[in-house]
Amino acid sequence: IAQEMVNNILKHSKAEHVEIQLLKTKTHLGLHIQDDGVGFDVKDSKKKSGIGMNNIYSRASAVNGEVNFESTDESGTSASIRVPLVKK
């Protein structure tokens, strides 16, 4: 998921900076990626249906994860992925 997101940032965002955080709590693994690029309309169905975005959503779904995007022209894009940890 992180690889696909970084690839999308490099390809489309025109960002100068990218911040990647991987966080673990007792119950979840979180991935937060933020860039300062041009942003995109997260409600645009054409943007959500591209191969890269489909890869992100399907990979998150495969591990019961949630994907959330926030994006504006002024502040770039922020993506959060939250995956529940499985107890053994």
N, C-alpha and C. Protein backbone atom coordinates (compact mmCIF):
# COMPACT_ATOMS: atom_id res chain seq x y z
N ILE A 1 0.84 -1.20 0.00
CA ILE A 1 0.00 0.00 0.00
C ILE A 1 0.88 1.25 0.00
N ALA A 2 1.88 1.26 0.86
CA ALA A 2 2.78 2.43 0.92
C ALA A 2 3.50 2.63 -0.41
N GLN A 3 3.95 1.55 -1.01
CA GLN A 3 4.65 1.64 -2.30
C GLN A 3 3.73 2.23 -3.36
N GLU A 4 2.50 1.78 -3.43
CA GLU A 4 1.55 2.30 -4.42
C GLU A 4 1.25 3.77 -4.18
N MET A 5 1.12 4.15 -2.92
CA MET A 5 0.85 5.55 -2.61
C MET A 5 2.02 6.45 -2.99
N VAL A 6 3.22 6.01 -2.66
CA VAL A 6 4.40 6.80 -3.02
C VAL A 6 4.53 6.90 -4.54
N ASN A 7 4.25 5.81 -5.23
CA ASN A 7 4.28 5.84 -6.69
C ASN A 7 3.28 6.86 -7.23
N ASN A 8 2.06 6.89 -6.68
CA ASN A 8 1.06 7.86 -7.11
C ASN A 8 1.50 9.29 -6.82
N ILE A 9 2.14 9.51 -5.68
CA ILE A 9 2.64 10.84 -5.34
C ILE A 9 3.69 11.28 -6.36
N LEU A 10 4.63 10.40 -6.65
CA LEU A 10 5.69 10.73 -7.62
C LEU A 10 5.12 11.00 -9.01
N LYS A 11 4.11 10.25 -9.39
CA LYS A 11 3.53 10.34 -10.72
C LYS A 11 2.63 11.56 -10.91
N HIS A 12 1.85 11.90 -9.88
CA HIS A 12 0.75 12.85 -10.09
C HIS A 12 0.78 14.12 -9.26
N SER A 13 1.41 14.12 -8.09
CA SER A 13 1.16 15.20 -7.13
C SER A 13 2.00 16.46 -7.30
N LYS A 14 3.15 16.35 -7.93
CA LYS A 14 4.09 17.47 -8.01
C LYS A 14 4.52 17.94 -6.62
N ALA A 15 4.53 17.02 -5.67
CA ALA A 15 4.89 17.35 -4.29
C ALA A 15 6.40 17.57 -4.15
N GLU A 16 6.75 18.43 -3.21
CA GLU A 16 8.15 18.63 -2.85
C GLU A 16 8.52 17.86 -1.60
N HIS A 17 7.53 17.58 -0.75
CA HIS A 17 7.78 16.87 0.51
C HIS A 17 6.72 15.80 0.72
N VAL A 18 7.16 14.69 1.29
CA VAL A 18 6.26 13.59 1.64
C VAL A 18 6.63 13.14 3.04
N GLU A 19 5.63 12.93 3.88
CA GLU A 19 5.86 12.41 5.23
C GLU A 19 5.12 11.08 5.36
N ILE A 20 5.85 10.07 5.83
CA ILE A 20 5.28 8.74 6.00
C ILE A 20 5.44 8.33 7.45
N GLN A 21 4.32 7.91 8.06
CA GLN A 21 4.36 7.44 9.44
C GLN A 21 3.71 6.06 9.50
N LEU A 22 4.35 5.16 10.21
CA LEU A 22 3.79 3.84 10.48
C LEU A 22 3.64 3.73 11.98
N LEU A 23 2.41 3.50 12.42
CA LEU A 23 2.11 3.50 13.85
C LEU A 23 1.46 2.18 14.24
N LYS A 24 1.77 1.72 15.45
CA LYS A 24 1.16 0.49 15.95
C LYS A 24 0.56 0.77 17.32
N THR A 25 -0.70 0.37 17.48
CA THR A 25 -1.35 0.42 18.78
C THR A 25 -1.59 -1.03 19.21
N LYS A 26 -2.26 -1.22 20.31
CA LYS A 26 -2.56 -2.58 20.76
C LYS A 26 -3.50 -3.30 19.80
N THR A 27 -4.33 -2.55 19.10
CA THR A 27 -5.36 -3.17 18.27
C THR A 27 -5.23 -2.92 16.76
N HIS A 28 -4.43 -1.92 16.36
CA HIS A 28 -4.36 -1.57 14.95
C HIS A 28 -2.95 -1.19 14.50
N LEU A 29 -2.75 -1.31 13.20
CA LEU A 29 -1.56 -0.80 12.54
C LEU A 29 -2.04 0.36 11.67
N GLY A 30 -1.37 1.48 11.77
CA GLY A 30 -1.78 2.66 11.01
C GLY A 30 -0.67 3.15 10.11
N LEU A 31 -1.05 3.53 8.91
CA LEU A 31 -0.12 4.12 7.95
C LEU A 31 -0.69 5.48 7.58
N HIS A 32 0.13 6.52 7.75
CA HIS A 32 -0.31 7.87 7.41
C HIS A 32 0.72 8.46 6.45
N ILE A 33 0.24 8.91 5.29
CA ILE A 33 1.12 9.50 4.28
C ILE A 33 0.54 10.85 3.90
N GLN A 34 1.40 11.88 3.94
CA GLN A 34 0.96 13.22 3.62
C GLN A 34 1.95 13.86 2.67
N ASP A 35 1.42 14.56 1.64
CA ASP A 35 2.30 15.28 0.73
C ASP A 35 1.83 16.72 0.60
N ASP A 36 2.68 17.55 0.01
CA ASP A 36 2.35 18.96 -0.18
C ASP A 36 2.10 19.26 -1.65
N GLY A 37 1.56 18.29 -2.36
CA GLY A 37 1.35 18.42 -3.79
C GLY A 37 0.07 19.14 -4.16
N VAL A 38 -0.34 18.94 -5.41
CA VAL A 38 -1.48 19.67 -5.97
C VAL A 38 -2.82 19.13 -5.51
N GLY A 39 -2.86 17.97 -4.91
CA GLY A 39 -4.11 17.41 -4.42
C GLY A 39 -4.97 16.87 -5.56
N PHE A 40 -6.11 16.29 -5.19
CA PHE A 40 -7.07 15.79 -6.19
C PHE A 40 -8.44 15.73 -5.54
N ASP A 41 -9.46 15.64 -6.37
CA ASP A 41 -10.83 15.57 -5.88
C ASP A 41 -11.11 14.14 -5.44
N VAL A 42 -11.17 13.90 -4.14
CA VAL A 42 -11.35 12.55 -3.62
C VAL A 42 -12.74 11.99 -3.93
N LYS A 43 -13.68 12.84 -4.32
CA LYS A 43 -15.03 12.39 -4.67
C LYS A 43 -15.17 12.05 -6.15
N ASP A 44 -14.15 12.36 -6.95
CA ASP A 44 -14.17 12.08 -8.39
C ASP A 44 -14.03 10.58 -8.62
N SER A 45 -15.06 9.96 -9.15
CA SER A 45 -15.05 8.50 -9.33
C SER A 45 -13.97 8.06 -10.33
N LYS A 46 -13.61 8.91 -11.28
CA LYS A 46 -12.54 8.56 -12.22
C LYS A 46 -11.20 8.46 -11.50
N LYS A 47 -10.97 9.33 -10.54
CA LYS A 47 -9.71 9.29 -9.77
C LYS A 47 -9.65 8.04 -8.90
N LYS A 48 -10.80 7.62 -8.36
CA LYS A 48 -10.84 6.45 -7.48
C LYS A 48 -10.76 5.14 -8.24
N SER A 49 -11.00 5.17 -9.54
CA SER A 49 -11.07 3.93 -10.30
C SER A 49 -9.80 3.61 -11.08
N GLY A 50 -8.76 4.38 -10.91
CA GLY A 50 -7.50 4.10 -11.59
C GLY A 50 -6.84 2.85 -11.03
N ILE A 51 -5.90 2.31 -11.76
CA ILE A 51 -5.24 1.06 -11.35
C ILE A 51 -4.56 1.23 -9.99
N GLY A 52 -3.84 2.34 -9.80
CA GLY A 52 -3.13 2.57 -8.53
C GLY A 52 -4.08 2.64 -7.35
N MET A 53 -5.17 3.40 -7.51
CA MET A 53 -6.14 3.52 -6.42
C MET A 53 -6.85 2.20 -6.17
N ASN A 54 -7.19 1.48 -7.23
CA ASN A 54 -7.81 0.16 -7.05
C ASN A 54 -6.88 -0.77 -6.29
N ASN A 55 -5.58 -0.71 -6.59
CA ASN A 55 -4.60 -1.53 -5.86
C ASN A 55 -4.59 -1.18 -4.37
N ILE A 56 -4.64 0.10 -4.06
CA ILE A 56 -4.63 0.53 -2.66
C ILE A 56 -5.86 0.01 -1.93
N TYR A 57 -7.04 0.23 -2.52
CA TYR A 57 -8.28 -0.21 -1.87
C TYR A 57 -8.36 -1.73 -1.76
N SER A 58 -7.93 -2.46 -2.79
CA SER A 58 -8.04 -3.92 -2.72
C SER A 58 -7.04 -4.51 -1.73
N ARG A 59 -5.85 -3.94 -1.64
CA ARG A 59 -4.86 -4.43 -0.67
C ARG A 59 -5.33 -4.17 0.75
N ALA A 60 -5.90 -3.00 0.99
CA ALA A 60 -6.41 -2.70 2.33
C ALA A 60 -7.59 -3.61 2.66
N SER A 61 -8.46 -3.83 1.70
CA SER A 61 -9.61 -4.70 1.92
C SER A 61 -9.18 -6.13 2.24
N ALA A 62 -8.11 -6.59 1.62
CA ALA A 62 -7.63 -7.95 1.83
C ALA A 62 -7.22 -8.21 3.28
N VAL A 63 -6.88 -7.15 4.02
CA VAL A 63 -6.49 -7.29 5.43
C VAL A 63 -7.47 -6.56 6.35
N ASN A 64 -8.71 -6.42 5.87
CA ASN A 64 -9.78 -5.75 6.63
C ASN A 64 -9.43 -4.32 7.01
N GLY A 65 -8.69 -3.64 6.17
CA GLY A 65 -8.27 -2.28 6.45
C GLY A 65 -9.23 -1.23 5.92
N GLU A 66 -9.08 -0.02 6.44
CA GLU A 66 -9.86 1.14 6.01
C GLU A 66 -8.91 2.15 5.38
N VAL A 67 -9.34 2.78 4.30
CA VAL A 67 -8.55 3.80 3.62
C VAL A 67 -9.33 5.10 3.63
N ASN A 68 -8.69 6.19 4.02
CA ASN A 68 -9.31 7.51 4.01
C ASN A 68 -8.36 8.51 3.38
N PHE A 69 -8.89 9.32 2.47
CA PHE A 69 -8.12 10.37 1.83
C PHE A 69 -8.73 11.72 2.14
N GLU A 70 -7.87 12.71 2.33
CA GLU A 70 -8.28 14.11 2.41
C GLU A 70 -7.34 14.86 1.48
N SER A 71 -7.89 15.75 0.66
CA SER A 71 -7.05 16.42 -0.31
C SER A 71 -7.60 17.79 -0.66
N THR A 72 -6.70 18.77 -0.75
CA THR A 72 -7.05 20.11 -1.21
C THR A 72 -5.93 20.63 -2.08
N ASP A 73 -6.27 21.62 -2.91
CA ASP A 73 -5.25 22.25 -3.75
C ASP A 73 -4.20 22.96 -2.91
N GLU A 74 -4.62 23.50 -1.75
CA GLU A 74 -3.72 24.30 -0.92
C GLU A 74 -2.78 23.46 -0.07
N SER A 75 -3.24 22.29 0.40
CA SER A 75 -2.41 21.55 1.37
C SER A 75 -2.01 20.15 0.93
N GLY A 76 -2.29 19.78 -0.30
CA GLY A 76 -1.87 18.47 -0.77
C GLY A 76 -2.82 17.37 -0.34
N THR A 77 -2.29 16.18 -0.20
CA THR A 77 -3.10 15.01 0.09
C THR A 77 -2.62 14.32 1.35
N SER A 78 -3.57 13.85 2.13
CA SER A 78 -3.30 13.08 3.32
C SER A 78 -4.06 11.77 3.21
N ALA A 79 -3.36 10.66 3.40
CA ALA A 79 -4.00 9.34 3.33
C ALA A 79 -3.74 8.60 4.63
N SER A 80 -4.77 7.96 5.14
CA SER A 80 -4.65 7.16 6.36
C SER A 80 -5.21 5.77 6.09
N ILE A 81 -4.44 4.78 6.48
CA ILE A 81 -4.87 3.40 6.37
C ILE A 81 -4.81 2.81 7.76
N ARG A 82 -5.89 2.14 8.15
CA ARG A 82 -5.97 1.54 9.47
C ARG A 82 -6.30 0.06 9.31
N VAL A 83 -5.43 -0.80 9.85
CA VAL A 83 -5.60 -2.24 9.71
C VAL A 83 -5.66 -2.86 11.10
N PRO A 84 -6.72 -3.64 11.36
CA PRO A 84 -6.79 -4.30 12.68
C PRO A 84 -5.72 -5.38 12.81
N LEU A 85 -5.14 -5.48 13.99
CA LEU A 85 -4.17 -6.53 14.27
C LEU A 85 -4.91 -7.78 14.73
N VAL A 86 -4.46 -8.91 14.26
CA VAL A 86 -5.11 -10.17 14.60
C VAL A 86 -4.37 -10.77 15.78
N LYS A 87 -5.13 -11.18 16.81
CA LYS A 87 -4.51 -11.83 17.97
C LYS A 87 -4.27 -13.29 17.65
N LYS A 88 -3.12 -13.78 18.06
CA LYS A 88 -2.78 -15.19 17.84
C LYS A 88 -3.00 -15.99 19.10
